[in-house]
Amino acid sequence: MSFFGSMGTTLGAPIGGGGSLFGQQPSSSAFGSVAGQTGVQQLHNPNKDIEVSSPPEDSISGLAFSPPSLQQNFLVSGSWDNQIRCWEVTGGVGAWQTIPKAQQSHSGPVLDVRFSDDGTKVFSASCDKTVKMWDLASNQTMQVAQHDAPVKTVHYIKAPNYNCLMTTSWDKTIKLWDLRSPNPGMTVNLAEKSYCADAQYPMAVVSLANRAIIVYSLENGISQFKQIESPLKYQHRCVSIFTDREKPNNPPTGFAIGSVEGRVAIQYLSPANPKDNFTFKCHRSNGTNNNFQDVFVVHDISFHPQHGTLATVGSDGRYSFWDKDARTKLKTSEQVEQSITRSAFSARGEIFAYASSYDWSKGHEFYNPQKKNYIFLHSCFEELRPRKKN
């Protein structure tokens, strides 16, 4: 059998009969019906945001919007029901509709999803130890990467002199893949499992199970740039690179990393002042037991593509918007019924997508199969504007 395996299929015939997801209207082979209007607000949606139609049937572990190179706005998700789903988001600001386009599957839970730089392909990392490439034009998939344990993250790297896929895994490796070859072009051995990672050329950040933070250069492949001692005392859950909004092409200058203790650290690679690096508390609430504070997991961090401000989401069922430069909170949402497990901004920054599902942080006894999973769309452009500097 070929390393790449057999070509994937959608659930049903190709969308619209033509095989391509682009420019087609939904048909009976899509995985749901057209929806997205606000309608009657339920307790699960206290922020009165737009619900994405036909959401995943199990916990949502990946969200990504298509890049600005596409005129159309697509949203993809990965989830623990082994599925990758794709919707087209249409309509004006605050009145979006979500059109289910198609879905593909792995043989294990999907942990991460990413678009290629031109938006024509989606890459998915899975507990089945593989990464698949979904070609949206042909609506077919092929296996493009393999590890010896579940694949935690996948990133598409577009460099001036090469393109590749970067994957991190619980097999304690990072691998770079030339999509024309079934074998990795480079392999980096790690001391521990990769718990979270981010990549934006020419920089990658990988955090390990022992809380080690390693920064890599992606120029001419991958090489270690520096290892940073974690400013956080507990397990890392997410990391996101930020860029310098004042310079051409917005080069990456640092990263934010979140932990299970309801805290985020802002780290610059070359801080002008050591005090530029700082941590802040988030996703915490005043408990009722002797005034102890409830502390929640920071599940995801997303930076706004235009403003450079950021969003955090947590197991408290809230999202918060922050201005790291002014060191201030811009907004905190109302609490949804379940944890918010993933988030993403649309390419132009007008939509904030967030996923509500059980994260198992309280164990099996608190799992309620009657509670559904949701993805919401929130109009965010003005709310994420940075505060004016004094």
Protein backbone atom coordinates (compact mmCIF):
# COMPACT_ATOMS: atom_id res chain seq x y z
CA MET A 1 0.00 0.00 0.00
CA SER A 2 1.21 3.49 -0.76
CA PHE A 3 2.46 5.59 2.17
CA PHE A 4 -0.13 8.19 1.25
CA GLY A 5 -2.98 5.65 1.49
CA SER A 6 -6.15 5.82 -0.52
CA MET A 7 -7.93 8.98 -1.52
CA GLY A 8 -10.53 10.23 0.94
CA THR A 9 -14.21 10.74 0.17
CA THR A 10 -16.90 12.97 1.55
CA LEU A 11 -20.05 11.72 3.19
CA GLY A 12 -22.10 11.47 0.03
CA ALA A 13 -21.46 12.62 -3.53
CA PRO A 14 -19.23 15.62 -4.36
CA ILE A 15 -20.81 18.94 -3.47
CA GLY A 16 -22.96 20.31 -6.25
CA GLY A 17 -22.00 17.42 -8.49
CA GLY A 18 -18.81 19.17 -9.61
CA GLY A 19 -16.42 17.96 -6.94
CA SER A 20 -15.23 21.42 -5.84
CA LEU A 21 -16.20 23.23 -2.66
CA PHE A 22 -15.50 26.62 -4.21
CA GLY A 23 -18.41 28.57 -5.67
CA GLN A 24 -20.95 25.80 -5.09
CA GLN A 25 -24.27 25.96 -3.33
CA PRO A 26 -25.00 23.38 -0.62
CA SER A 27 -26.66 20.15 -1.69
CA SER A 28 -28.00 17.05 0.02
CA SER A 29 -24.45 15.75 0.34
CA ALA A 30 -23.43 18.57 2.67
CA PHE A 31 -23.48 17.63 6.35
CA GLY A 32 -26.31 19.96 7.36
CA SER A 33 -28.66 22.68 6.25
CA VAL A 34 -28.06 26.39 5.71
CA ALA A 35 -28.26 28.22 9.02
CA GLY A 36 -26.65 30.95 11.05
CA GLN A 37 -29.38 33.41 11.90
CA THR A 38 -29.52 34.36 15.56
CA GLY A 39 -33.16 33.28 16.09
CA VAL A 40 -34.31 32.65 19.65
CA GLN A 41 -31.38 32.87 22.02
CA GLN A 42 -30.93 29.94 24.39
CA LEU A 43 -29.05 29.62 27.66
CA HIS A 44 -26.13 28.10 25.79
CA ASN A 45 -25.70 31.39 23.87
CA PRO A 46 -25.84 34.24 26.42
CA ASN A 47 -23.67 36.47 24.19
CA LYS A 48 -26.31 36.34 21.43
CA ASP A 49 -23.71 35.34 18.86
CA ILE A 50 -24.41 33.56 15.60
CA GLU A 51 -24.42 29.78 15.78
CA VAL A 52 -22.57 27.80 13.14
CA SER A 53 -24.97 25.26 11.64
CA SER A 54 -24.47 21.51 12.00
CA PRO A 55 -21.65 21.69 14.59
CA PRO A 56 -19.43 18.71 15.50
CA GLU A 57 -20.88 15.88 17.56
CA ASP A 58 -17.95 15.67 19.99
CA SER A 59 -15.45 18.02 21.65
CA ILE A 60 -13.94 20.58 19.27
CA SER A 61 -10.14 20.66 19.22
CA GLY A 62 -9.32 22.69 16.10
CA LEU A 63 -10.65 25.85 14.39
CA ALA A 64 -9.21 27.78 11.44
CA PHE A 65 -10.37 30.42 8.96
CA SER A 66 -9.22 30.56 5.35
CA PRO A 67 -6.42 33.07 4.56
CA PRO A 68 -6.96 36.48 2.91
CA SER A 69 -5.86 35.08 -0.46
CA LEU A 70 -9.39 33.68 -0.86
CA GLN A 71 -12.34 35.93 -1.63
CA GLN A 72 -14.67 33.45 0.02
CA ASN A 73 -14.61 32.98 3.78
CA PHE A 74 -14.28 29.35 4.89
CA LEU A 75 -14.18 27.96 8.42
CA VAL A 76 -12.91 24.47 9.26
CA SER A 77 -13.05 22.50 12.49
CA GLY A 78 -11.46 19.34 13.84
CA SER A 79 -13.10 17.32 16.61
CA TRP A 80 -13.02 14.18 18.72
CA ASP A 81 -15.65 12.51 16.52
CA ASN A 82 -12.77 12.02 14.01
CA GLN A 83 -14.22 14.60 11.60
CA ILE A 84 -12.95 17.66 9.74
CA ARG A 85 -15.81 19.95 8.72
CA CYS A 86 -15.89 22.93 6.37
CA TRP A 87 -18.41 25.78 6.21
CA GLU A 88 -18.64 28.83 4.01
CA VAL A 89 -19.43 32.02 5.93
CA THR A 90 -21.52 34.47 3.90
CA GLY A 91 -23.37 37.71 4.55
CA GLY A 92 -22.53 41.03 6.14
CA VAL A 93 -21.03 41.91 9.49
CA GLY A 94 -23.13 40.57 12.34
CA ALA A 95 -25.59 38.88 9.95
CA TRP A 96 -23.51 35.95 8.77
CA GLN A 97 -24.86 32.69 7.54
CA THR A 98 -22.91 29.44 7.67
CA ILE A 99 -23.28 27.00 4.81
CA PRO A 100 -22.06 23.44 5.49
CA LYS A 101 -19.93 22.45 2.51
CA ALA A 102 -18.43 19.01 3.18
CA GLN A 103 -16.54 16.92 5.69
CA GLN A 104 -13.74 14.38 5.79
CA SER A 105 -12.64 11.92 8.44
CA HIS A 106 -9.69 10.34 10.21
CA SER A 107 -9.70 7.04 12.07
CA GLY A 108 -9.00 8.90 15.32
CA PRO A 109 -9.78 12.26 16.96
CA VAL A 110 -8.60 15.36 15.07
CA LEU A 111 -6.37 17.57 17.25
CA ASP A 112 -5.44 20.41 14.88
CA VAL A 113 -6.46 21.94 11.53
CA ARG A 114 -4.70 24.51 9.29
CA PHE A 115 -5.11 26.04 5.85
CA SER A 116 -2.38 26.27 3.25
CA ASP A 117 -1.25 29.80 2.43
CA ASP A 118 -3.43 29.96 -0.71
CA GLY A 119 -6.48 28.54 1.07
CA THR A 120 -6.99 25.66 -1.36
CA LYS A 121 -5.98 22.90 1.06
CA VAL A 122 -6.64 21.98 4.68
CA PHE A 123 -4.21 19.97 6.81
CA SER A 124 -5.44 17.93 9.76
CA ALA A 125 -3.46 16.29 12.59
CA SER A 126 -4.96 13.26 14.28
CA CYS A 127 -4.64 10.74 17.09
CA ASP A 128 -4.47 8.10 14.35
CA LYS A 129 -0.80 9.24 14.04
CA THR A 130 -1.28 10.76 10.58
CA VAL A 131 -1.72 14.13 8.91
CA LYS A 132 -4.06 14.42 5.94
CA MET A 133 -4.24 17.03 3.20
CA TRP A 134 -7.76 17.91 2.04
CA ASP A 135 -7.84 19.44 -1.42
CA LEU A 136 -10.93 21.63 -1.40
CA ALA A 137 -11.10 21.89 -5.19
CA SER A 138 -11.29 18.13 -5.77
CA ASN A 139 -12.88 17.44 -2.37
CA GLN A 140 -10.46 14.56 -1.74
CA THR A 141 -7.86 13.77 0.91
CA MET A 142 -4.49 12.05 1.02
CA GLN A 143 -2.15 11.19 3.87
CA VAL A 144 0.94 13.41 3.84
CA ALA A 145 2.65 12.76 7.19
CA GLN A 146 3.10 9.98 9.73
CA HIS A 147 4.31 9.79 13.34
CA ASP A 148 4.69 6.99 15.89
CA ALA A 149 2.15 8.56 18.26
CA PRO A 150 -0.75 11.06 17.98
CA VAL A 151 0.09 14.22 16.03
CA LYS A 152 -0.60 17.25 18.23
CA THR A 153 -0.08 20.17 15.82
CA VAL A 154 0.33 20.89 12.13
CA HIS A 155 1.54 24.12 10.47
CA TYR A 156 2.05 25.10 6.84
CA ILE A 157 5.36 26.93 6.39
CA LYS A 158 5.82 29.25 3.41
CA ALA A 159 9.41 30.45 3.20
CA PRO A 160 11.09 32.47 0.42
CA ASN A 161 12.99 29.41 -0.78
CA TYR A 162 10.82 26.47 0.27
CA ASN A 163 7.35 25.36 1.41
CA CYS A 164 6.78 22.56 3.88
CA LEU A 165 4.56 21.13 6.59
CA MET A 166 5.69 21.19 10.23
CA THR A 167 4.21 18.59 12.57
CA THR A 168 4.74 17.98 16.29
CA SER A 169 3.79 14.78 18.05
CA TRP A 170 3.56 12.92 21.32
CA ASP A 171 6.30 10.65 19.91
CA LYS A 172 8.69 13.44 21.02
CA THR A 173 9.59 14.67 17.55
CA ILE A 174 9.13 17.63 15.23
CA LYS A 175 9.10 16.76 11.54
CA LEU A 176 9.28 18.88 8.40
CA TRP A 177 7.59 17.42 5.31
CA ASP A 178 8.03 18.17 1.64
CA LEU A 179 4.56 17.35 0.34
CA ARG A 180 6.10 15.75 -2.74
CA SER A 181 7.80 13.07 -0.64
CA PRO A 182 6.42 10.38 1.71
CA ASN A 183 9.41 10.76 4.06
CA PRO A 184 10.17 13.68 6.39
CA GLY A 185 12.81 16.08 5.14
CA MET A 186 13.99 16.82 8.69
CA THR A 187 13.34 15.30 12.12
CA VAL A 188 14.07 16.97 15.47
CA ASN A 189 14.11 14.78 18.59
CA LEU A 190 12.61 16.33 21.71
CA ALA A 191 13.14 15.59 25.38
CA GLU A 192 9.39 15.32 26.00
CA LYS A 193 6.02 15.25 24.25
CA SER A 194 4.93 18.36 22.39
CA TYR A 195 1.96 19.87 24.20
CA CYS A 196 1.50 22.98 22.03
CA ALA A 197 3.24 24.77 19.18
CA ASP A 198 2.95 27.67 16.77
CA ALA A 199 4.84 28.60 13.62
CA GLN A 200 5.08 31.74 11.52
CA TYR A 201 8.06 32.04 9.23
CA PRO A 202 10.87 32.48 10.18
CA MET A 203 9.99 31.38 13.72
CA ALA A 204 8.47 28.38 15.51
CA VAL A 205 7.75 27.89 19.20
CA VAL A 206 7.23 24.46 20.76
CA SER A 207 6.31 23.81 24.38
CA LEU A 208 6.94 20.40 25.91
CA ALA A 209 5.35 18.33 28.66
CA ASN A 210 8.11 19.40 31.07
CA ARG A 211 7.23 23.09 30.41
CA ALA A 212 10.38 23.65 28.35
CA ILE A 213 9.85 26.33 25.70
CA ILE A 214 12.04 26.01 22.62
CA VAL A 215 12.21 28.67 19.90
CA TYR A 216 13.33 27.53 16.45
CA SER A 217 14.53 29.32 13.36
CA LEU A 218 12.84 28.13 10.16
CA GLU A 219 15.40 29.64 7.79
CA ASN A 220 16.82 26.83 5.66
CA GLY A 221 14.92 24.14 7.55
CA ILE A 222 14.63 24.07 11.33
CA SER A 223 17.31 24.79 13.94
CA GLN A 224 17.10 25.64 17.62
CA PHE A 225 17.43 29.37 18.32
CA LYS A 226 17.03 29.40 22.07
CA GLN A 227 15.41 27.61 24.99
CA ILE A 228 13.44 29.74 27.43
CA GLU A 229 12.71 28.98 31.05
CA SER A 230 8.97 29.06 31.52
CA PRO A 231 7.60 31.99 33.51
CA LEU A 232 4.57 29.81 34.30
CA LYS A 233 4.57 27.23 37.09
CA TYR A 234 2.05 24.78 35.66
CA GLN A 235 1.37 22.81 32.50
CA HIS A 236 1.23 24.80 29.26
CA ARG A 237 -1.88 24.43 27.15
CA CYS A 238 -1.51 26.84 24.21
CA VAL A 239 1.00 29.14 22.50
CA SER A 240 0.55 31.83 19.84
CA ILE A 241 3.16 33.94 18.03
CA PHE A 242 2.64 37.70 17.76
CA THR A 243 4.13 40.10 15.23
CA ASP A 244 5.40 43.67 15.05
CA ARG A 245 2.46 45.59 13.56
CA GLU A 246 4.66 48.65 12.96
CA LYS A 247 7.11 47.00 10.54
CA PRO A 248 6.66 45.88 6.91
CA ASN A 249 5.51 42.27 6.53
CA ASN A 250 4.86 42.12 10.29
CA PRO A 251 7.83 40.00 11.42
CA PRO A 252 7.25 37.78 14.48
CA THR A 253 8.70 39.30 17.65
CA GLY A 254 7.46 37.06 20.45
CA PHE A 255 4.74 34.77 21.70
CA ALA A 256 2.02 34.37 24.30
CA ILE A 257 1.70 31.10 26.20
CA GLY A 258 -1.22 29.98 28.37
CA SER A 259 -1.42 27.41 31.15
CA VAL A 260 -3.83 25.34 33.20
CA GLU A 261 -3.51 27.83 36.08
CA GLY A 262 -5.48 30.64 34.43
CA ARG A 263 -2.42 32.65 33.50
CA VAL A 264 -0.82 33.91 30.27
CA ALA A 265 2.81 34.94 29.73
CA ILE A 266 3.88 37.49 27.11
CA GLN A 267 7.42 36.80 25.93
CA TYR A 268 9.49 38.87 23.49
CA LEU A 269 12.46 37.26 21.76
CA SER A 270 14.57 40.40 22.15
CA PRO A 271 12.83 42.66 24.66
CA ALA A 272 13.94 46.29 24.66
CA ASN A 273 13.34 46.21 28.40
CA PRO A 274 13.18 43.05 30.56
CA LYS A 275 9.91 44.37 31.94
CA ASP A 276 8.39 43.96 28.47
CA ASN A 277 8.00 40.28 29.40
CA PHE A 278 5.18 39.80 31.87
CA THR A 279 2.43 37.44 32.96
CA PHE A 280 -1.21 38.17 33.73
CA LYS A 281 -4.07 36.32 35.37
CA CYS A 282 -7.17 35.43 33.37
CA HIS A 283 -10.08 32.99 33.40
CA ARG A 284 -10.46 33.14 37.14
CA SER A 285 -13.45 33.89 39.32
CA ASN A 286 -14.10 34.47 42.99
CA GLY A 287 -15.30 31.19 44.47
CA THR A 288 -17.80 30.71 47.25
CA ASN A 289 -15.58 28.45 49.41
CA ASN A 290 -13.87 30.70 51.96
CA ASN A 291 -13.29 33.31 49.25
CA PHE A 292 -10.86 31.09 47.36
CA GLN A 293 -10.47 31.93 43.69
CA ASP A 294 -11.56 29.41 41.07
CA VAL A 295 -8.79 28.92 38.50
CA PHE A 296 -9.53 27.70 34.95
CA VAL A 297 -7.55 26.35 32.02
CA VAL A 298 -6.51 28.76 29.24
CA HIS A 299 -7.36 26.63 26.21
CA ASP A 300 -6.40 28.93 23.34
CA ILE A 301 -4.85 32.29 22.47
CA SER A 302 -5.55 34.08 19.17
CA PHE A 303 -4.06 37.37 17.95
CA HIS A 304 -6.16 39.76 15.90
CA PRO A 305 -4.72 39.96 12.34
CA GLN A 306 -5.16 43.73 12.05
CA HIS A 307 -4.93 45.20 15.54
CA GLY A 308 -2.39 42.89 17.21
CA THR A 309 -4.61 42.60 20.28
CA LEU A 310 -5.52 39.14 21.50
CA ALA A 311 -8.26 36.84 22.68
CA THR A 312 -8.05 34.12 25.31
CA VAL A 313 -10.62 31.37 25.88
CA GLY A 314 -10.94 29.07 28.85
CA SER A 315 -12.63 26.27 30.72
CA ASP A 316 -14.70 28.88 32.57
CA GLY A 317 -16.80 29.19 29.40
CA ARG A 318 -15.73 32.77 28.70
CA TYR A 319 -13.64 34.60 26.14
CA SER A 320 -11.70 37.75 26.93
CA PHE A 321 -10.09 40.38 24.68
CA TRP A 322 -6.81 42.02 25.74
CA ASP A 323 -4.44 44.78 24.68
CA LYS A 324 -1.00 43.47 25.67
CA ASP A 325 0.75 46.78 24.90
CA ALA A 326 -1.57 48.79 27.13
CA ARG A 327 -1.71 45.84 29.56
CA THR A 328 -5.44 46.08 29.85
CA LYS A 329 -8.52 43.95 29.38
CA LEU A 330 -10.83 45.15 26.60
CA LYS A 331 -13.78 42.84 27.24
CA THR A 332 -14.94 39.64 28.94
CA SER A 333 -17.90 37.71 27.59
CA GLU A 334 -20.86 36.21 29.36
CA GLN A 335 -20.39 32.58 30.41
CA VAL A 336 -21.53 29.85 28.04
CA GLU A 337 -22.69 26.47 29.32
CA GLN A 338 -19.49 24.55 28.58
CA SER A 339 -15.78 25.25 28.26
CA ILE A 340 -14.52 27.27 25.29
CA THR A 341 -11.95 24.95 23.78
CA ARG A 342 -10.73 26.73 20.61
CA SER A 343 -10.85 30.13 18.91
CA ALA A 344 -9.88 31.79 15.63
CA PHE A 345 -10.10 35.18 13.91
CA SER A 346 -11.16 35.51 10.31
CA ALA A 347 -8.43 36.72 7.93
CA ARG A 348 -9.73 40.30 7.87
CA GLY A 349 -10.43 40.37 11.58
CA GLU A 350 -14.17 40.99 11.51
CA ILE A 351 -15.21 37.59 12.93
CA PHE A 352 -14.15 35.87 16.14
CA ALA A 353 -15.08 32.18 16.12
CA TYR A 354 -15.10 30.18 19.34
CA ALA A 355 -16.04 26.58 20.13
CA SER A 356 -18.03 25.48 23.17
CA SER A 357 -17.71 21.84 24.23
CA TYR A 358 -16.77 19.69 27.21
CA ASP A 359 -13.01 19.63 27.84
CA TRP A 360 -12.95 16.79 30.40
CA SER A 361 -11.12 19.01 32.91
CA LYS A 362 -13.59 17.88 35.60
CA GLY A 363 -13.48 14.22 34.64
CA HIS A 364 -15.98 11.74 33.28
CA GLU A 365 -18.52 12.25 36.07
CA PHE A 366 -19.24 15.81 34.88
CA TYR A 367 -19.75 14.86 31.24
CA ASN A 368 -23.33 15.48 30.17
CA PRO A 369 -24.21 13.91 26.79
CA GLN A 370 -27.34 16.08 26.66
CA LYS A 371 -25.22 19.21 26.24
CA LYS A 372 -24.43 19.84 22.61
CA ASN A 373 -21.25 21.27 21.06
CA TYR A 374 -21.41 24.70 19.43
CA ILE A 375 -19.30 27.04 17.33
CA PHE A 376 -20.24 30.71 17.58
CA LEU A 377 -19.36 33.73 15.43
CA HIS A 378 -18.92 37.08 17.17
CA SER A 379 -18.57 40.49 15.51
CA CYS A 380 -15.30 41.74 16.97
CA PHE A 381 -13.42 44.29 14.85
CA GLU A 382 -14.24 47.37 16.93
CA GLU A 383 -14.00 45.55 20.26
CA LEU A 384 -10.41 44.53 19.52
CA ARG A 385 -9.16 48.03 18.66
CA PRO A 386 -6.13 48.82 20.84
CA ARG A 387 -6.39 51.47 23.50
CA LYS A 388 -4.93 54.82 22.58
CA LYS A 389 -1.49 55.33 24.08
CA ASN A 390 -1.07 58.22 26.49
